[in-house]
Protein backbone atom coordinates (compact mmCIF):
# COMPACT_ATOMS: atom_id res chain seq x y z
CA MET A 1 -46.77 33.94 51.41
CA ILE A 2 -46.19 31.72 48.38
CA ASP A 3 -44.87 33.08 45.09
CA VAL A 4 -47.00 31.15 42.58
CA SER A 5 -44.50 31.98 39.82
CA LYS A 6 -42.07 29.62 41.56
CA VAL A 7 -44.48 26.66 41.66
CA ALA A 8 -43.02 23.63 39.89
CA TYR A 9 -44.45 20.16 39.30
CA ASN A 10 -42.91 16.72 38.83
CA VAL A 11 -44.48 13.46 37.70
CA TYR A 12 -42.92 10.14 38.71
CA ALA A 13 -43.76 6.61 37.59
CA VAL A 14 -42.97 4.01 40.25
CA LEU A 15 -41.97 0.87 38.36
CA GLN A 16 -42.36 -2.72 39.57
CA ASP A 17 -38.69 -2.96 40.52
CA GLY A 18 -39.06 0.14 42.71
CA THR A 19 -37.45 2.56 40.26
CA ARG A 20 -38.85 6.07 40.64
CA LEU A 21 -38.76 7.32 37.05
CA ASN A 22 -39.08 11.10 36.56
CA VAL A 23 -41.19 11.49 33.42
CA THR A 24 -41.78 15.24 33.81
CA PRO A 25 -39.81 16.17 30.65
CA ALA A 26 -42.17 14.03 28.57
CA VAL A 27 -45.39 15.33 30.16
CA THR A 28 -47.30 17.89 28.07
CA ASP A 29 -50.49 18.16 30.10
CA LEU A 30 -51.28 17.59 33.78
CA GLY A 31 -54.24 18.11 36.08
CA TRP A 32 -55.76 16.65 39.23
CA GLU A 33 -58.92 17.11 41.22
CA GLU A 34 -60.75 16.24 44.40
CA GLY A 35 -64.42 16.43 43.49
CA GLU A 36 -67.30 17.33 45.74
CA GLY A 37 -69.09 14.14 46.76
CA GLU A 38 -66.24 11.96 45.45
CA LEU A 39 -64.20 9.76 47.76
CA SER A 40 -61.19 9.28 45.48
CA ALA A 41 -58.91 11.90 43.95
CA ARG A 42 -58.45 11.79 40.17
CA PHE A 43 -55.53 12.99 38.08
CA SER A 44 -54.45 12.72 34.46
CA PHE A 45 -51.66 13.65 32.10
CA THR A 46 -50.58 13.35 28.49
CA ALA A 47 -47.01 12.38 27.63
CA ALA A 48 -44.82 12.07 24.56
CA ASN A 49 -44.05 8.46 23.70
CA VAL A 50 -40.32 8.85 24.09
CA ASP A 51 -37.86 5.97 24.24
CA TYR A 52 -37.07 4.38 27.59
CA ASN A 53 -34.59 1.46 27.70
CA GLY A 54 -35.25 0.74 24.04
CA ASN A 55 -39.05 0.73 24.35
CA PRO A 56 -41.72 3.41 24.03
CA LEU A 57 -42.67 5.00 27.36
CA SER A 58 -46.27 3.80 26.92
CA SER A 59 -45.08 0.21 27.33
CA THR A 60 -43.51 1.14 30.68
CA ILE A 61 -46.39 3.25 32.00
CA LYS A 62 -49.47 1.08 31.58
CA PRO A 63 -52.58 0.11 33.58
CA ASN A 64 -51.87 -0.34 37.32
CA THR A 65 -48.56 1.57 37.21
CA ALA A 66 -48.17 3.72 40.34
CA ILE A 67 -47.86 7.46 39.64
CA VAL A 68 -46.81 10.20 42.07
CA VAL A 69 -47.23 13.93 41.42
CA THR A 70 -45.23 16.42 43.49
CA ALA A 71 -45.12 20.20 43.66
CA SER A 72 -42.76 22.76 45.11
CA ALA A 73 -42.78 26.53 45.50
CA GLY A 74 -39.12 27.38 45.84
CA GLY A 75 -38.55 24.75 48.54
CA ASP A 76 -38.79 21.01 49.00
CA GLU A 77 -41.06 18.83 46.89
CA LYS A 78 -44.38 17.88 48.44
CA GLU A 79 -46.61 15.07 47.21
CA VAL A 80 -49.96 16.36 45.92
CA ALA A 81 -51.35 13.25 44.17
CA ASN A 82 -50.64 9.54 44.36
CA GLY A 83 -52.47 6.77 42.55
CA LYS A 84 -52.48 4.11 39.86
CA VAL A 85 -53.21 4.19 36.15
CA ILE A 86 -56.84 3.16 35.63
CA GLU A 87 -57.36 4.35 32.04
CA TRP A 88 -54.66 4.19 29.34
CA TYR A 89 -54.91 5.78 25.87
CA PRO A 90 -51.94 5.22 23.56
CA GLN A 91 -51.87 7.10 20.24
CA ASP A 92 -49.80 6.29 17.17
CA SER A 93 -50.53 8.26 14.03
CA ALA A 94 -48.81 10.53 11.54
CA THR A 95 -49.70 13.57 13.65
CA ALA A 96 -49.59 12.21 17.20
CA LYS A 97 -47.30 9.76 18.94
CA GLY A 98 -48.03 9.82 22.63
CA PHE A 99 -50.36 8.53 25.28
CA SER A 100 -52.73 9.76 27.97
CA VAL A 101 -53.56 8.22 31.33
CA VAL A 102 -56.18 8.74 34.01
CA CYS A 103 -55.23 7.79 37.57
CA TYR A 104 -57.11 7.40 40.85
CA ASP A 105 -55.87 6.95 44.39
CA ASP A 106 -56.57 3.78 46.38
CA LEU A 107 -59.93 5.04 47.65
CA TYR A 108 -61.19 4.36 44.11
CA ASN A 109 -61.37 0.67 45.04
CA LEU A 110 -63.86 1.54 47.79
CA GLN A 111 -65.97 3.55 45.36
CA LYS A 112 -66.15 0.60 42.98
CA SER A 113 -66.56 -2.26 45.49
CA GLN A 114 -69.72 -3.62 47.11
CA ASP A 115 -69.81 -5.61 50.32
CA ASP A 116 -72.00 -6.92 53.12
CA ARG A 117 -70.88 -5.34 56.39
CA TYR A 118 -72.27 -6.08 59.83
CA ILE A 119 -71.74 -3.42 62.48
CA LYS A 120 -72.23 -4.74 66.01
CA ALA A 121 -74.12 -2.55 68.46
CA GLY A 122 -71.72 -0.19 70.19
CA THR A 123 -69.02 -0.34 67.50
CA GLY A 124 -67.22 2.99 67.28
CA THR A 125 -66.88 4.93 64.03
CA LYS A 126 -63.09 4.69 64.08
CA SER A 127 -63.13 0.92 64.45
CA ALA A 128 -65.75 0.49 61.72
CA LEU A 129 -63.87 2.70 59.22
CA ASN A 130 -60.44 1.24 59.96
CA ALA A 131 -61.82 -2.27 59.48
CA ILE A 132 -62.92 -1.30 55.97
CA PHE A 133 -59.57 0.28 55.15
CA SER A 134 -57.72 -2.76 56.49
CA ASP A 135 -59.84 -5.26 54.55
CA TRP A 136 -59.05 -3.39 51.33
CA GLY A 137 -55.34 -3.08 52.08
CA ILE A 138 -55.33 0.70 52.49
CA PRO A 139 -52.85 1.85 55.17
CA ALA A 140 -54.41 4.04 57.87
CA GLY A 141 -52.83 7.44 58.33
CA GLU A 142 -53.95 10.26 60.60
CA TYR A 143 -57.30 9.71 62.30
CA LYS A 144 -58.93 12.78 63.85
CA GLY A 145 -62.42 11.70 62.95
CA PRO A 146 -65.49 10.82 65.02
CA ASP A 147 -65.75 7.81 67.29
CA LYS A 148 -69.43 7.60 68.13
CA PRO A 149 -71.01 4.25 69.04
CA HIS A 150 -73.32 2.90 66.32
CA ALA A 151 -76.45 0.81 66.60
CA LYS A 152 -76.51 -2.71 65.18
CA THR A 153 -76.50 -2.25 61.42
CA LEU A 154 -76.40 -4.61 58.45
CA PHE A 155 -75.31 -3.25 55.09
CA LYS A 156 -76.30 -5.53 52.22
CA ALA A 157 -74.45 -5.32 48.90
CA GLU A 158 -73.74 -1.62 49.35
CA TYR A 159 -70.83 0.25 47.83
CA LEU A 160 -68.16 0.81 50.44
CA GLY A 161 -68.00 4.50 49.66
CA ASP A 162 -71.72 4.73 50.54
CA ILE A 163 -71.19 2.71 53.73
CA ILE A 164 -68.45 5.12 54.81
CA THR A 165 -70.70 8.09 54.10
CA GLU A 166 -73.56 6.53 56.09
CA LEU A 167 -71.30 5.85 59.07
CA LEU A 168 -70.07 9.45 59.09
CA ASP A 169 -73.63 10.76 58.69
CA ASP A 170 -74.79 8.61 61.62
CA ALA A 171 -71.92 9.90 63.76
CA GLU A 172 -72.87 13.45 62.81
CA LYS A 173 -76.47 12.84 63.87
CA HIS A 174 -75.10 11.94 67.29
CA GLY A 175 -73.13 15.14 67.70
CA ALA A 176 -69.96 14.66 65.62
CA ASP A 177 -68.59 17.39 63.40
CA ASN A 178 -68.04 17.21 59.64
CA TYR A 179 -65.01 15.34 58.32
CA VAL A 180 -63.13 14.73 55.11
CA ILE A 181 -61.54 11.45 54.03
CA ARG A 182 -58.55 11.77 51.71
CA MET A 183 -55.27 10.07 50.80
CA THR A 184 -51.91 11.57 51.77
CA GLY A 185 -48.62 9.85 51.04
CA GLY A 186 -50.34 6.56 50.24
CA LYS A 187 -52.29 6.50 53.53
CA VAL A 188 -55.90 7.39 54.26
CA ASP A 189 -56.58 10.26 56.65
CA VAL A 190 -59.86 11.10 58.39
CA LEU A 191 -59.73 14.77 59.36
CA PRO A 192 -62.07 17.54 60.51
CA ILE A 193 -62.87 20.04 57.79
CA ASN A 194 -61.32 23.50 58.15
CA ALA A 195 -58.57 22.09 60.40
CA ASN A 196 -55.58 23.07 58.23
CA GLU A 197 -52.98 25.08 60.15
CA THR A 198 -51.97 27.19 57.13
CA VAL A 199 -54.91 29.18 55.75
CA TYR A 200 -54.23 30.64 52.30
CA HIS A 201 -55.69 33.99 51.26
CA PHE A 202 -57.00 34.68 47.74
CA ASP A 203 -57.69 38.19 46.49
CA GLU A 204 -59.11 39.33 43.16
CA ASP A 205 -56.40 42.00 42.96
CA ASP A 206 -53.63 39.40 43.16
CA ASN A 207 -54.47 35.76 42.48
CA LEU A 208 -58.18 35.40 41.61
CA THR A 209 -59.52 35.93 38.10
CA THR A 210 -63.22 35.04 38.38
CA SER A 211 -65.81 34.33 41.04
CA GLY A 212 -69.46 33.43 40.95
CA ASP A 213 -72.31 32.39 43.22
CA LYS A 214 -75.02 29.76 42.91
CA ILE A 215 -78.03 29.75 45.24
CA SER A 216 -80.12 26.57 45.17
CA THR A 217 -83.09 25.10 47.02
CA ALA A 218 -82.68 21.70 45.29
CA ASP A 219 -81.44 19.94 48.44
CA LEU A 220 -83.50 21.96 50.92
CA VAL A 221 -85.15 20.10 53.81
CA THR A 222 -88.18 21.83 55.33
CA ARG A 223 -89.62 19.07 57.51
CA VAL A 224 -88.16 16.17 59.50
CA LYS A 225 -90.29 13.41 60.99
CA VAL A 226 -88.95 11.34 63.85
CA ILE A 227 -90.22 7.77 63.53
CA GLY A 228 -90.23 5.46 66.54
CA LEU A 229 -89.13 1.86 66.84
CA GLU A 230 -91.10 -0.78 64.98
CA LYS A 231 -93.72 -2.48 67.12
CA LYS A 232 -94.98 -6.05 66.97
CA THR A 233 -97.78 -4.84 64.70
CA LYS A 234 -95.08 -3.70 62.22
CA LYS A 235 -96.38 -0.16 62.57
CA ARG A 236 -94.10 2.73 63.42
CA SER A 237 -95.39 5.80 65.19
CA VAL A 238 -94.48 9.41 64.47
CA GLU A 239 -92.84 10.70 67.65
CA ALA A 240 -92.13 14.26 66.50
CA THR A 241 -92.47 16.51 63.48
CA LEU A 242 -90.08 19.43 63.11
CA ASP A 243 -90.86 22.13 60.55
CA GLY A 244 -88.44 24.56 58.98
CA LYS A 245 -88.98 26.90 56.03
CA THR A 246 -92.12 25.23 54.71
CA GLU A 247 -92.85 28.31 52.60
CA TYR A 248 -90.60 26.62 50.04
CA GLY A 249 -92.92 23.60 50.09
CA ILE A 250 -92.71 20.36 52.02
CA ARG A 251 -89.31 18.69 51.50
CA GLN A 252 -89.44 15.91 54.07
CA ARG A 253 -86.81 13.67 55.61
CA ILE A 254 -87.40 10.74 57.94
CA TYR A 255 -85.24 10.15 61.00
CA THR A 256 -85.75 6.66 62.38
CA ARG A 257 -84.95 6.36 66.05
CA SER A 258 -82.60 3.47 66.71
CA SER A 259 -82.65 1.27 69.78
CA ASP A 260 -79.77 3.19 71.36
CA ASP A 261 -81.44 6.59 70.86
CA THR A 262 -83.62 8.26 73.41
CA ALA A 263 -86.57 10.26 72.10
CA ALA A 264 -84.75 13.46 73.05
CA GLN A 265 -81.59 12.39 71.18
CA ALA A 266 -83.61 11.50 68.10
CA LYS A 267 -85.36 14.86 68.15
CA SER A 268 -82.01 16.64 68.57
CA ALA A 269 -80.59 14.75 65.58
CA ALA A 270 -83.63 15.68 63.50
CA GLN A 271 -83.16 19.33 64.45
CA LYS A 272 -79.53 19.12 63.37
CA THR A 273 -80.70 18.00 59.91
CA LEU A 274 -82.90 21.09 59.73
CA ASP A 275 -80.08 23.31 60.96
CA GLU A 276 -77.74 22.03 58.26
CA LYS A 277 -80.13 21.55 55.34
CA GLY A 278 -82.93 23.95 56.18
CA GLU A 279 -81.56 26.93 54.26
CA PRO A 280 -81.00 27.41 50.51
CA THR A 281 -77.44 26.35 49.72
CA ARG A 282 -74.91 28.86 48.48
CA LYS A 283 -71.91 27.61 46.55
CA THR A 284 -69.23 29.94 45.28
CA THR A 285 -66.81 29.17 42.47
CA LEU A 286 -63.37 30.79 42.57
CA LYS A 287 -60.80 30.58 39.78
CA GLY A 288 -57.28 31.89 39.85
CA ALA A 289 -53.60 31.04 40.00
CA ASP A 290 -52.90 27.42 40.88
CA LEU A 291 -51.77 26.66 44.40
CA PRO A 292 -51.19 22.90 44.30
CA PHE A 293 -51.25 22.45 48.08
CA ILE A 294 -54.98 23.28 48.41
CA ARG A 295 -57.01 20.19 49.33
CA LYS A 296 -60.69 19.39 49.63
CA GLY A 297 -61.80 20.12 53.19
CA ASP A 298 -59.32 22.97 53.70
CA LYS A 299 -60.26 26.40 54.98
CA ILE A 300 -59.27 29.39 52.86
CA ARG A 301 -59.97 33.11 52.92
CA ALA A 302 -61.19 34.93 49.82
CA ALA A 303 -61.78 38.58 48.98
CA ALA A 304 -63.70 38.75 45.71
CA ARG A 305 -66.80 40.36 44.29
CA THR A 306 -69.13 37.66 45.59
CA VAL A 307 -67.42 36.76 48.86
CA ASN A 308 -65.29 38.37 51.52
CA GLY A 309 -64.44 35.95 54.31
CA PHE A 310 -63.51 32.41 55.23
CA CYS A 311 -64.66 29.43 53.13
CA THR A 312 -64.51 25.63 53.10
CA VAL A 313 -63.15 24.02 49.94
CA LEU A 314 -65.80 21.53 48.78
CA GLY A 315 -63.95 20.53 45.63
CA VAL A 316 -60.84 21.65 43.75
CA GLN A 317 -59.44 21.23 40.23
CA HIS A 318 -55.78 21.91 39.55
CA ASP A 319 -54.69 22.63 35.97
CA ALA A 320 -50.92 22.48 36.09
CA ALA A 321 -50.56 22.97 32.34
CA ASN A 322 -52.25 26.39 32.46
CA ARG A 323 -51.26 27.16 36.07
CA THR A 324 -54.88 27.74 37.10
CA MET A 325 -57.10 26.35 39.82
CA THR A 326 -60.88 26.22 40.22
CA MET A 327 -62.43 25.80 43.66
CA THR A 328 -66.00 25.21 44.71
CA VAL A 329 -66.36 26.64 48.21
CA LYS A 330 -68.91 27.05 50.96
CA VAL A 331 -68.87 30.51 52.51
CA LEU A 332 -68.53 30.24 56.29
CA GLY A 333 -69.35 33.87 56.94
CA GLU A 334 -68.70 37.33 55.61
CA ASP A 335 -65.77 39.06 57.25
CA SER A 336 -67.75 41.71 59.09
CA ALA A 337 -64.99 42.18 61.67
CA GLU A 338 -62.56 43.18 58.93
CA SER A 339 -65.20 45.36 57.32
CA LYS A 340 -65.70 47.33 60.50
CA LYS A 341 -61.99 48.00 60.66
CA GLY A 342 -62.25 49.47 57.18
CA SER A 343 -64.87 52.04 58.15
CA ASP A 344 -66.33 53.51 61.31
CA GLU A 345 -69.61 54.20 59.55
CA TYR A 346 -70.22 51.48 56.96
CA LYS A 347 -69.97 47.69 56.96
CA VAL A 348 -70.37 44.86 54.49
CA GLY A 349 -74.06 44.22 53.85
CA ASP A 350 -75.16 47.85 54.26
CA VAL A 351 -77.58 49.12 51.61
CA VAL A 352 -76.62 52.67 50.61
CA ASN A 353 -77.67 55.39 48.17
CA PHE A 354 -75.03 55.71 45.46
CA ALA A 355 -74.83 59.23 43.97
CA GLY A 356 -73.76 57.99 40.53
CA GLY A 357 -70.60 58.61 38.54
CA SER A 358 -67.25 56.86 38.24
CA HIS A 359 -66.46 53.31 39.24
CA TYR A 360 -63.38 51.09 38.92
CA LYS A 361 -62.77 47.46 37.97
CA THR A 362 -60.42 46.89 40.91
CA ALA A 363 -59.75 48.61 44.22
CA THR A 364 -56.35 49.80 42.96
CA ASP A 365 -57.13 51.03 39.43
CA THR A 366 -55.89 54.50 38.51
CA GLN A 367 -58.27 54.90 35.58
CA ALA A 368 -62.03 54.74 35.91
CA ALA A 369 -64.15 52.40 33.82
CA SER A 370 -65.44 53.92 30.60
CA THR A 371 -69.11 53.73 31.61
CA ASN A 372 -70.47 55.97 34.39
CA LEU A 373 -73.05 54.48 36.73
CA SER A 374 -76.44 56.00 37.40
CA GLN A 375 -77.59 56.79 40.91
CA GLY A 376 -79.57 54.30 42.97
CA LYS A 377 -79.56 51.89 45.86
CA ALA A 378 -76.58 49.54 46.15
CA LYS A 379 -75.20 46.99 48.58
CA ILE A 380 -71.67 47.09 50.02
CA THR A 381 -70.11 43.66 49.40
CA ILE A 382 -66.41 44.31 50.18
CA ILE A 383 -64.48 46.98 52.10
CA LYS A 384 -60.70 47.31 51.74
CA LYS A 385 -59.12 49.62 54.22
CA GLY A 386 -56.52 51.95 52.70
CA ALA A 387 -57.32 51.11 49.06
CA LYS A 388 -57.68 53.82 46.43
CA HIS A 389 -61.33 52.85 45.96
CA PRO A 390 -62.21 51.04 49.19
CA TYR A 391 -65.87 50.08 48.63
CA HIS A 392 -67.26 47.47 46.28
CA LEU A 393 -70.94 48.07 45.50
CA ILE A 394 -73.52 45.88 43.77
CA TYR A 395 -76.69 47.56 42.62
CA GLN A 396 -79.83 46.28 44.29
CA ASN A 397 -81.36 45.91 40.84
CA TRP A 398 -78.26 44.17 39.52
CA ALA A 399 -80.34 41.46 37.83
CA GLU A 400 -81.54 44.15 35.40
CA THR A 401 -78.42 46.28 35.03
CA HIS A 402 -75.54 43.85 35.70
CA VAL A 403 -73.57 46.78 37.10
CA TYR A 404 -71.13 46.59 39.97
CA GLY A 405 -67.75 48.05 40.78
CA TRP A 406 -65.33 49.73 43.19
CA VAL A 407 -66.05 53.32 44.26
CA ASP A 408 -64.49 56.06 46.34
CA GLU A 409 -65.25 57.23 49.85
CA GLY A 410 -68.02 59.82 49.86
CA THR A 411 -69.78 58.65 46.70
CA PHE A 412 -72.74 57.23 48.63
CA SER A 413 -74.75 57.82 51.78
CA LYS A 414 -76.99 55.84 54.10
C-alpha cells in the first residue's frame, strides 16, 4: 500500500556539462501525461525566473535542455518522466517573471519524422522496430514484444510512429498480443499490456473522486472482407466475408491476404478484427489522488460506481500541482468472483426490486442522503462484503431519474 500523502516530486534540469540541477524549489506547476493513441509522453511545468550563476533560470533551461522528473512515496526516488524542452515560454512583465516549458520524450522524434522503410520478407517485428530505434539514436531497453515474420513491405514517406503502429497491428493479425511502447530511464521498452507485477487498487471510498462511462459505436466494425492476392488482370477476388453485428449498419474493413498468408490464416486474422472491434467500445474515466507510478498499459483494479474489476490504463494525466490523476481505462471484466464472495444470493449485474427508502453516498456513511428513493427495478453494480451498506444500486430508469446509491441488506428482492 502507498500513502499518497507522502508522495513527493522533484524536477531536474540536466545541463550540457552534465550538471543535474534540482529546480524543484522554483517550480510552481507540474504535470505529465501519456495519451491514448500517442507514442510520446508529454510533460510541462512553470517556474519562477530565479537567479542561477548570475543569470535568470530561463537562460539556463531553454529549448533542447534535458529534463527529468522523479517521484517518491516515502522511499527512493523513481524516474517518472524524461525528455527535452520542445516549447519554451518566457514571461517578463510587472506581474509575472517566470517561464513555462513543454517537454516530450525521445519518441517525439518518431512522431514527427517521415521515412521510406523497406521490410524484407520474413523480417521479424523485433528486428524491424529495433532498426527504427537505432536509426533515430534511441537506446533499446526491455523488449517483450512480438516477433512475427512480416511480408515484404514498402513504406513510402510515412511517419515513423504510424509505421510502428502498422508493424504491431500486422503482428497482432498473426496471433500476437497487444503491446505498449514507452520510454523508461531514457530507453524505449516494448512490453505486453497488463504485465505490471504491482497492480494498484483504487476505491471511491479512499482514493477516487469521480468516475464515468462512455459507450461508443464510432469505431465499430461489423463486416470484414478478406481480399485475395492481385492477379495478372489486376483484379482481386473476395475470398471470405465475415459479418458481425450488422444491426448497427455495415462498417466494413478490408483484410488483404499477403503472399505469406494462407487463406485460413487470413480468415482467422479477419475474425480477430471482428472479435476486437465488433462490439461497442466502453471507456471509463477515473479521477482521484495522484499515484505518479501509474503508466499507460498498466493493469489496475477499481471499485467505483461505474466499474468494479480490473482495467487497462489507456491514457493517464498526472497533475502534481493539485495531487490528482485522471485515467482513461478499458474495463477487462467485472469482478463477479469478488461479488459472489460478498453474497450467497446476489451478484453484480443482478436486476432486483428495490423497496424504496434510504440510500447512502458511500458504503461507509453513517448518515443517509437527504432524499429517499422510490421503489422500482434496479441493477446491482458493486458489492462490498462487510460494509455498512454493501450494495450499490443503479435504477434501471436511471436516464430519467439520475438516482443511484448504496443500500442496506434486505432493502430489495429478486
